Amino acid sequence: MRELPFFVYGTLRPGEYNHDRFLLGRTAGEEPARLAGALLHDGPGYPYAVPGEGLIAGDLVTAAPGAYGELLAELDQVEGGAGYERVERAVVRLRDGAAVRAWVYFAAPGTPYGPLIKGGDWRVRGGPRTP
């Protein structure tokens, strides 16, 4: 399996509450990126990406050398338990506009999710944050 970076758009983004829990010390790079062809919906304390005509703000996270297998397995377990499925998609890295293939966790079929987050950015959605 190719070692693709991860596109994170919610609680795993740098500065959000699950970043340090799952990613701190396990990444070689984290940089702003955008995912086209998707919409962001609110969920029970975290967002869900779904296919659609929109753009989602997030970060492209590259695993540290030697950490990829363990990180992939852990994120699959955590995200799978929260109603996500991992898919490969192209995201745009903001620093140079390059299209990069990455893993993105989308809402699994049948997963209930909340209202649309207008603008596609979890950080500026408004409302209270879940610690």
N, C-alpha and C. Protein backbone atom coordinates (compact mmCIF):
# COMPACT_ATOMS: atom_id res chain seq x y z
N MET A 1 0.84 -1.18 0.00
CA MET A 1 0.00 0.00 0.00
C MET A 1 0.89 1.24 0.00
N ARG A 2 0.52 2.22 -0.82
CA ARG A 2 1.25 3.49 -0.86
C ARG A 2 1.01 4.26 0.43
N GLU A 3 2.02 4.96 0.87
CA GLU A 3 1.90 5.78 2.07
C GLU A 3 1.43 7.18 1.67
N LEU A 4 0.12 7.36 1.66
CA LEU A 4 -0.46 8.66 1.32
C LEU A 4 -0.57 9.54 2.56
N PRO A 5 -0.49 10.85 2.37
CA PRO A 5 -0.77 11.73 3.50
C PRO A 5 -2.27 11.68 3.83
N PHE A 6 -2.65 12.29 4.92
CA PHE A 6 -4.04 12.36 5.36
C PHE A 6 -4.52 13.80 5.22
N PHE A 7 -5.74 13.97 4.72
CA PHE A 7 -6.36 15.29 4.72
C PHE A 7 -7.29 15.33 5.93
N VAL A 8 -6.99 16.20 6.90
CA VAL A 8 -7.80 16.31 8.11
C VAL A 8 -8.53 17.65 8.08
N TYR A 9 -9.79 17.66 8.50
CA TYR A 9 -10.61 18.86 8.36
C TYR A 9 -11.41 19.20 9.61
N GLY A 10 -11.22 18.45 10.68
CA GLY A 10 -12.00 18.70 11.89
C GLY A 10 -11.13 18.66 13.13
N THR A 11 -11.44 17.74 14.03
CA THR A 11 -10.77 17.69 15.33
C THR A 11 -9.33 17.22 15.27
N LEU A 12 -8.88 16.71 14.12
CA LEU A 12 -7.48 16.29 13.96
C LEU A 12 -6.58 17.40 13.42
N ARG A 13 -7.17 18.54 13.05
CA ARG A 13 -6.36 19.65 12.54
C ARG A 13 -5.47 20.21 13.64
N PRO A 14 -4.31 20.74 13.27
CA PRO A 14 -3.44 21.37 14.27
C PRO A 14 -4.22 22.43 15.06
N GLY A 15 -4.08 22.37 16.38
CA GLY A 15 -4.78 23.31 17.25
C GLY A 15 -6.14 22.82 17.73
N GLU A 16 -6.67 21.75 17.13
CA GLU A 16 -7.95 21.20 17.55
C GLU A 16 -7.71 20.10 18.58
N TYR A 17 -8.75 19.71 19.30
CA TYR A 17 -8.58 18.89 20.49
C TYR A 17 -8.11 17.46 20.26
N ASN A 18 -8.28 16.88 19.10
CA ASN A 18 -7.78 15.52 18.88
C ASN A 18 -6.42 15.47 18.20
N HIS A 19 -5.93 16.61 17.77
CA HIS A 19 -4.63 16.63 17.11
C HIS A 19 -3.53 16.08 18.02
N ASP A 20 -3.40 16.66 19.21
CA ASP A 20 -2.34 16.22 20.11
C ASP A 20 -2.55 14.77 20.57
N ARG A 21 -3.77 14.36 20.69
CA ARG A 21 -4.08 13.00 21.15
C ARG A 21 -3.63 11.94 20.15
N PHE A 22 -3.79 12.22 18.85
CA PHE A 22 -3.50 11.20 17.85
C PHE A 22 -2.30 11.52 16.95
N LEU A 23 -1.97 12.78 16.75
CA LEU A 23 -0.96 13.12 15.75
C LEU A 23 0.33 13.72 16.31
N LEU A 24 0.29 14.28 17.49
CA LEU A 24 1.47 14.95 18.03
C LEU A 24 2.67 14.02 18.07
N GLY A 25 3.78 14.45 17.46
CA GLY A 25 5.00 13.67 17.44
C GLY A 25 5.02 12.54 16.43
N ARG A 26 3.95 12.42 15.65
CA ARG A 26 3.85 11.31 14.69
C ARG A 26 3.77 11.81 13.24
N THR A 27 4.02 13.13 13.04
CA THR A 27 3.94 13.68 11.70
C THR A 27 5.26 14.29 11.28
N ALA A 28 5.50 14.26 9.97
CA ALA A 28 6.68 14.90 9.39
C ALA A 28 6.32 16.25 8.80
N GLY A 29 5.03 16.49 8.57
CA GLY A 29 4.59 17.75 7.99
C GLY A 29 3.10 17.93 8.12
N GLU A 30 2.69 19.17 8.28
CA GLU A 30 1.27 19.54 8.35
C GLU A 30 1.15 20.88 7.64
N GLU A 31 0.33 20.94 6.59
CA GLU A 31 0.21 22.19 5.84
C GLU A 31 -1.20 22.37 5.32
N PRO A 32 -1.64 23.63 5.21
CA PRO A 32 -2.99 23.92 4.75
C PRO A 32 -3.28 23.35 3.36
N ALA A 33 -4.50 22.86 3.19
CA ALA A 33 -4.93 22.28 1.92
C ALA A 33 -6.44 22.45 1.79
N ARG A 34 -6.96 22.17 0.60
CA ARG A 34 -8.40 22.23 0.34
C ARG A 34 -8.83 20.99 -0.42
N LEU A 35 -10.04 20.53 -0.11
CA LEU A 35 -10.65 19.40 -0.79
C LEU A 35 -11.86 19.91 -1.56
N ALA A 36 -11.84 19.74 -2.88
CA ALA A 36 -12.97 20.12 -3.72
C ALA A 36 -13.90 18.91 -3.90
N GLY A 37 -15.15 19.18 -4.26
CA GLY A 37 -16.09 18.10 -4.52
C GLY A 37 -16.65 17.48 -3.26
N ALA A 38 -16.70 18.28 -2.18
CA ALA A 38 -17.20 17.77 -0.91
C ALA A 38 -17.85 18.90 -0.11
N LEU A 39 -18.76 18.52 0.75
CA LEU A 39 -19.42 19.44 1.67
C LEU A 39 -19.10 19.02 3.09
N LEU A 40 -19.13 19.98 4.00
CA LEU A 40 -18.85 19.70 5.41
C LEU A 40 -20.13 19.89 6.22
N HIS A 41 -20.45 18.86 7.01
CA HIS A 41 -21.64 18.90 7.86
C HIS A 41 -21.21 18.77 9.31
N ASP A 42 -21.98 19.41 10.19
CA ASP A 42 -21.73 19.29 11.61
C ASP A 42 -22.13 17.89 12.07
N GLY A 43 -21.49 17.45 13.13
CA GLY A 43 -21.80 16.15 13.71
C GLY A 43 -21.83 16.27 15.21
N PRO A 44 -21.79 15.17 15.91
CA PRO A 44 -21.84 15.20 17.38
C PRO A 44 -20.47 15.55 18.00
N GLY A 45 -20.03 16.80 17.79
CA GLY A 45 -18.75 17.25 18.32
C GLY A 45 -17.63 17.19 17.32
N TYR A 46 -17.91 16.76 16.12
CA TYR A 46 -16.92 16.69 15.05
C TYR A 46 -17.67 16.74 13.72
N PRO A 47 -16.98 17.15 12.64
CA PRO A 47 -17.67 17.28 11.35
C PRO A 47 -17.62 16.01 10.51
N TYR A 48 -18.46 15.99 9.49
CA TYR A 48 -18.47 14.93 8.50
C TYR A 48 -18.33 15.54 7.11
N ALA A 49 -17.44 14.98 6.30
CA ALA A 49 -17.34 15.33 4.89
C ALA A 49 -18.24 14.38 4.11
N VAL A 50 -18.95 14.94 3.13
CA VAL A 50 -19.78 14.14 2.23
C VAL A 50 -19.54 14.64 0.81
N PRO A 51 -19.68 13.77 -0.19
CA PRO A 51 -19.53 14.24 -1.56
C PRO A 51 -20.55 15.32 -1.89
N GLY A 52 -20.14 16.30 -2.66
CA GLY A 52 -21.04 17.38 -3.05
C GLY A 52 -20.28 18.50 -3.72
N GLU A 53 -21.02 19.49 -4.14
CA GLU A 53 -20.45 20.64 -4.85
C GLU A 53 -19.99 21.68 -3.84
N GLY A 54 -18.80 21.50 -3.30
CA GLY A 54 -18.28 22.44 -2.33
C GLY A 54 -16.79 22.29 -2.17
N LEU A 55 -16.27 23.01 -1.20
CA LEU A 55 -14.84 23.04 -0.91
C LEU A 55 -14.67 22.97 0.59
N ILE A 56 -13.78 22.10 1.07
CA ILE A 56 -13.53 21.94 2.50
C ILE A 56 -12.11 22.39 2.81
N ALA A 57 -11.98 23.21 3.85
CA ALA A 57 -10.67 23.65 4.34
C ALA A 57 -10.13 22.60 5.31
N GLY A 58 -8.83 22.36 5.23
CA GLY A 58 -8.21 21.41 6.14
C GLY A 58 -6.70 21.47 6.06
N ASP A 59 -6.08 20.39 6.49
CA ASP A 59 -4.62 20.31 6.49
C ASP A 59 -4.18 18.97 5.95
N LEU A 60 -3.11 18.99 5.20
CA LEU A 60 -2.49 17.80 4.68
C LEU A 60 -1.43 17.37 5.69
N VAL A 61 -1.58 16.16 6.22
CA VAL A 61 -0.71 15.66 7.28
C VAL A 61 0.09 14.47 6.73
N THR A 62 1.40 14.56 6.82
CA THR A 62 2.29 13.49 6.38
C THR A 62 2.86 12.79 7.61
N ALA A 63 2.74 11.47 7.64
CA ALA A 63 3.24 10.70 8.78
C ALA A 63 4.75 10.77 8.86
N ALA A 64 5.26 10.75 10.07
CA ALA A 64 6.70 10.71 10.31
C ALA A 64 7.25 9.38 9.81
N PRO A 65 8.53 9.36 9.42
CA PRO A 65 9.13 8.10 8.99
C PRO A 65 8.95 7.01 10.06
N GLY A 66 8.48 5.86 9.61
CA GLY A 66 8.28 4.73 10.50
C GLY A 66 6.97 4.73 11.26
N ALA A 67 6.19 5.81 11.17
CA ALA A 67 4.94 5.91 11.94
C ALA A 67 3.70 5.62 11.11
N TYR A 68 3.85 5.46 9.80
CA TYR A 68 2.69 5.38 8.93
C TYR A 68 1.75 4.21 9.24
N GLY A 69 2.26 3.01 9.31
CA GLY A 69 1.41 1.84 9.52
C GLY A 69 0.59 1.91 10.79
N GLU A 70 1.24 2.27 11.87
CA GLU A 70 0.55 2.37 13.16
C GLU A 70 -0.48 3.51 13.14
N LEU A 71 -0.10 4.64 12.55
CA LEU A 71 -1.00 5.79 12.48
C LEU A 71 -2.22 5.47 11.63
N LEU A 72 -2.01 4.85 10.47
CA LEU A 72 -3.12 4.47 9.60
C LEU A 72 -4.08 3.53 10.33
N ALA A 73 -3.56 2.52 10.99
CA ALA A 73 -4.41 1.56 11.71
C ALA A 73 -5.20 2.26 12.82
N GLU A 74 -4.55 3.14 13.57
CA GLU A 74 -5.23 3.82 14.66
C GLU A 74 -6.31 4.77 14.14
N LEU A 75 -6.00 5.54 13.11
CA LEU A 75 -7.00 6.45 12.56
C LEU A 75 -8.16 5.68 11.94
N ASP A 76 -7.89 4.57 11.27
CA ASP A 76 -8.98 3.75 10.72
C ASP A 76 -9.90 3.24 11.83
N GLN A 77 -9.31 2.84 12.94
CA GLN A 77 -10.13 2.33 14.05
C GLN A 77 -10.95 3.44 14.68
N VAL A 78 -10.32 4.56 14.95
CA VAL A 78 -11.02 5.69 15.59
C VAL A 78 -12.09 6.25 14.67
N GLU A 79 -11.72 6.53 13.44
CA GLU A 79 -12.66 7.15 12.51
C GLU A 79 -13.76 6.17 12.09
N GLY A 80 -13.41 4.92 11.90
CA GLY A 80 -14.41 3.92 11.55
C GLY A 80 -15.47 3.77 12.62
N GLY A 81 -15.06 3.88 13.88
CA GLY A 81 -16.00 3.80 15.00
C GLY A 81 -16.89 5.02 15.12
N ALA A 82 -16.49 6.11 14.46
CA ALA A 82 -17.27 7.36 14.53
C ALA A 82 -18.11 7.57 13.27
N GLY A 83 -18.21 6.55 12.42
CA GLY A 83 -19.07 6.66 11.24
C GLY A 83 -18.40 7.17 9.98
N TYR A 84 -17.09 6.99 9.89
CA TYR A 84 -16.36 7.42 8.69
C TYR A 84 -15.85 6.22 7.92
N GLU A 85 -15.56 6.46 6.63
CA GLU A 85 -14.84 5.50 5.81
C GLU A 85 -13.72 6.24 5.09
N ARG A 86 -12.58 5.57 4.96
CA ARG A 86 -11.41 6.19 4.34
C ARG A 86 -11.46 6.00 2.83
N VAL A 87 -11.26 7.12 2.09
CA VAL A 87 -11.23 7.09 0.63
C VAL A 87 -10.03 7.90 0.14
N GLU A 88 -9.55 7.57 -1.03
CA GLU A 88 -8.45 8.32 -1.62
C GLU A 88 -9.01 9.42 -2.51
N ARG A 89 -8.52 10.64 -2.31
CA ARG A 89 -8.99 11.79 -3.09
C ARG A 89 -7.81 12.72 -3.38
N ALA A 90 -7.98 13.56 -4.38
CA ALA A 90 -7.00 14.61 -4.66
C ALA A 90 -7.36 15.82 -3.82
N VAL A 91 -6.37 16.40 -3.16
CA VAL A 91 -6.53 17.65 -2.43
C VAL A 91 -5.51 18.64 -2.98
N VAL A 92 -5.77 19.92 -2.78
CA VAL A 92 -4.86 20.95 -3.27
C VAL A 92 -4.08 21.52 -2.11
N ARG A 93 -2.76 21.42 -2.21
CA ARG A 93 -1.86 21.98 -1.20
C ARG A 93 -1.77 23.48 -1.47
N LEU A 94 -2.05 24.30 -0.46
CA LEU A 94 -2.15 25.74 -0.68
C LEU A 94 -0.82 26.41 -0.99
N ARG A 95 0.27 25.94 -0.43
CA ARG A 95 1.55 26.65 -0.62
C ARG A 95 2.00 26.71 -2.07
N ASP A 96 1.61 25.69 -2.89
CA ASP A 96 2.05 25.69 -4.28
C ASP A 96 0.96 25.32 -5.27
N GLY A 97 -0.25 25.08 -4.79
CA GLY A 97 -1.37 24.74 -5.67
C GLY A 97 -1.30 23.34 -6.26
N ALA A 98 -0.39 22.51 -5.76
CA ALA A 98 -0.24 21.16 -6.29
C ALA A 98 -1.39 20.26 -5.85
N ALA A 99 -1.84 19.41 -6.77
CA ALA A 99 -2.83 18.39 -6.43
C ALA A 99 -2.08 17.19 -5.85
N VAL A 100 -2.50 16.75 -4.69
CA VAL A 100 -1.83 15.67 -3.96
C VAL A 100 -2.87 14.61 -3.61
N ARG A 101 -2.57 13.35 -3.87
CA ARG A 101 -3.45 12.26 -3.48
C ARG A 101 -3.31 12.06 -1.97
N ALA A 102 -4.44 11.92 -1.29
CA ALA A 102 -4.44 11.78 0.17
C ALA A 102 -5.61 10.93 0.61
N TRP A 103 -5.50 10.40 1.83
CA TRP A 103 -6.63 9.73 2.47
C TRP A 103 -7.53 10.78 3.10
N VAL A 104 -8.83 10.61 2.89
CA VAL A 104 -9.83 11.49 3.48
C VAL A 104 -10.88 10.59 4.13
N TYR A 105 -11.31 10.94 5.31
CA TYR A 105 -12.38 10.19 5.99
C TYR A 105 -13.71 10.89 5.71
N PHE A 106 -14.55 10.20 4.91
CA PHE A 106 -15.89 10.68 4.57
C PHE A 106 -16.91 9.99 5.47
N ALA A 107 -18.08 10.61 5.62
CA ALA A 107 -19.17 9.96 6.34
C ALA A 107 -19.52 8.66 5.61
N ALA A 108 -19.59 7.56 6.34
CA ALA A 108 -19.98 6.28 5.76
C ALA A 108 -21.45 6.33 5.37
N PRO A 109 -21.85 5.57 4.36
CA PRO A 109 -23.26 5.54 3.99
C PRO A 109 -24.15 5.23 5.19
N GLY A 110 -25.22 5.96 5.33
CA GLY A 110 -26.17 5.76 6.42
C GLY A 110 -25.82 6.49 7.70
N THR A 111 -24.65 7.15 7.75
CA THR A 111 -24.28 7.89 8.96
C THR A 111 -25.10 9.17 9.04
N PRO A 112 -25.81 9.39 10.14
CA PRO A 112 -26.56 10.64 10.27
C PRO A 112 -25.61 11.79 10.60
N TYR A 113 -25.82 12.91 9.95
CA TYR A 113 -25.01 14.09 10.23
C TYR A 113 -25.91 15.31 10.28
N GLY A 114 -25.38 16.37 10.83
CA GLY A 114 -26.15 17.58 11.08
C GLY A 114 -26.12 18.57 9.94
N PRO A 115 -26.38 19.83 10.28
CA PRO A 115 -26.49 20.87 9.26
C PRO A 115 -25.18 21.13 8.53
N LEU A 116 -25.32 21.69 7.35
CA LEU A 116 -24.19 22.09 6.53
C LEU A 116 -23.39 23.17 7.24
N ILE A 117 -22.06 23.04 7.20
CA ILE A 117 -21.18 24.10 7.70
C ILE A 117 -20.84 24.96 6.50
N LYS A 118 -21.50 26.11 6.42
CA LYS A 118 -21.31 27.00 5.28
C LYS A 118 -19.87 27.48 5.24
N GLY A 119 -19.29 27.48 4.06
CA GLY A 119 -17.91 27.88 3.90
C GLY A 119 -16.94 26.73 4.03
N GLY A 120 -17.40 25.57 4.54
CA GLY A 120 -16.58 24.37 4.57
C GLY A 120 -15.39 24.39 5.52
N ASP A 121 -15.44 25.26 6.53
CA ASP A 121 -14.29 25.34 7.45
C ASP A 121 -14.77 25.11 8.88
N TRP A 122 -14.36 23.99 9.46
CA TRP A 122 -14.71 23.62 10.83
C TRP A 122 -14.32 24.70 11.83
N ARG A 123 -13.20 25.35 11.61
CA ARG A 123 -12.69 26.34 12.56
C ARG A 123 -13.53 27.60 12.63
N VAL A 124 -14.26 27.92 11.60
CA VAL A 124 -15.05 29.16 11.60
C VAL A 124 -16.54 28.86 11.52
N ARG A 125 -16.94 27.71 12.00
CA ARG A 125 -18.34 27.30 11.90
C ARG A 125 -19.24 28.05 12.87
N GLY A 126 -18.69 28.63 13.92
CA GLY A 126 -19.51 29.28 14.93
C GLY A 126 -19.99 28.26 15.95
N GLY A 127 -20.53 28.74 17.04
CA GLY A 127 -21.06 27.85 18.07
C GLY A 127 -19.97 27.34 18.99
N PRO A 128 -20.38 26.62 20.03
CA PRO A 128 -19.42 26.14 21.03
C PRO A 128 -18.53 25.03 20.49
N ARG A 129 -17.35 24.92 21.07
CA ARG A 129 -16.40 23.86 20.72
C ARG A 129 -16.51 22.76 21.76
N THR A 130 -16.31 21.54 21.32
CA THR A 130 -16.30 20.41 22.25
C THR A 130 -14.87 20.16 22.70
N PRO A 131 -14.58 20.21 23.99
CA PRO A 131 -13.19 19.96 24.43
C PRO A 131 -12.84 18.50 24.37
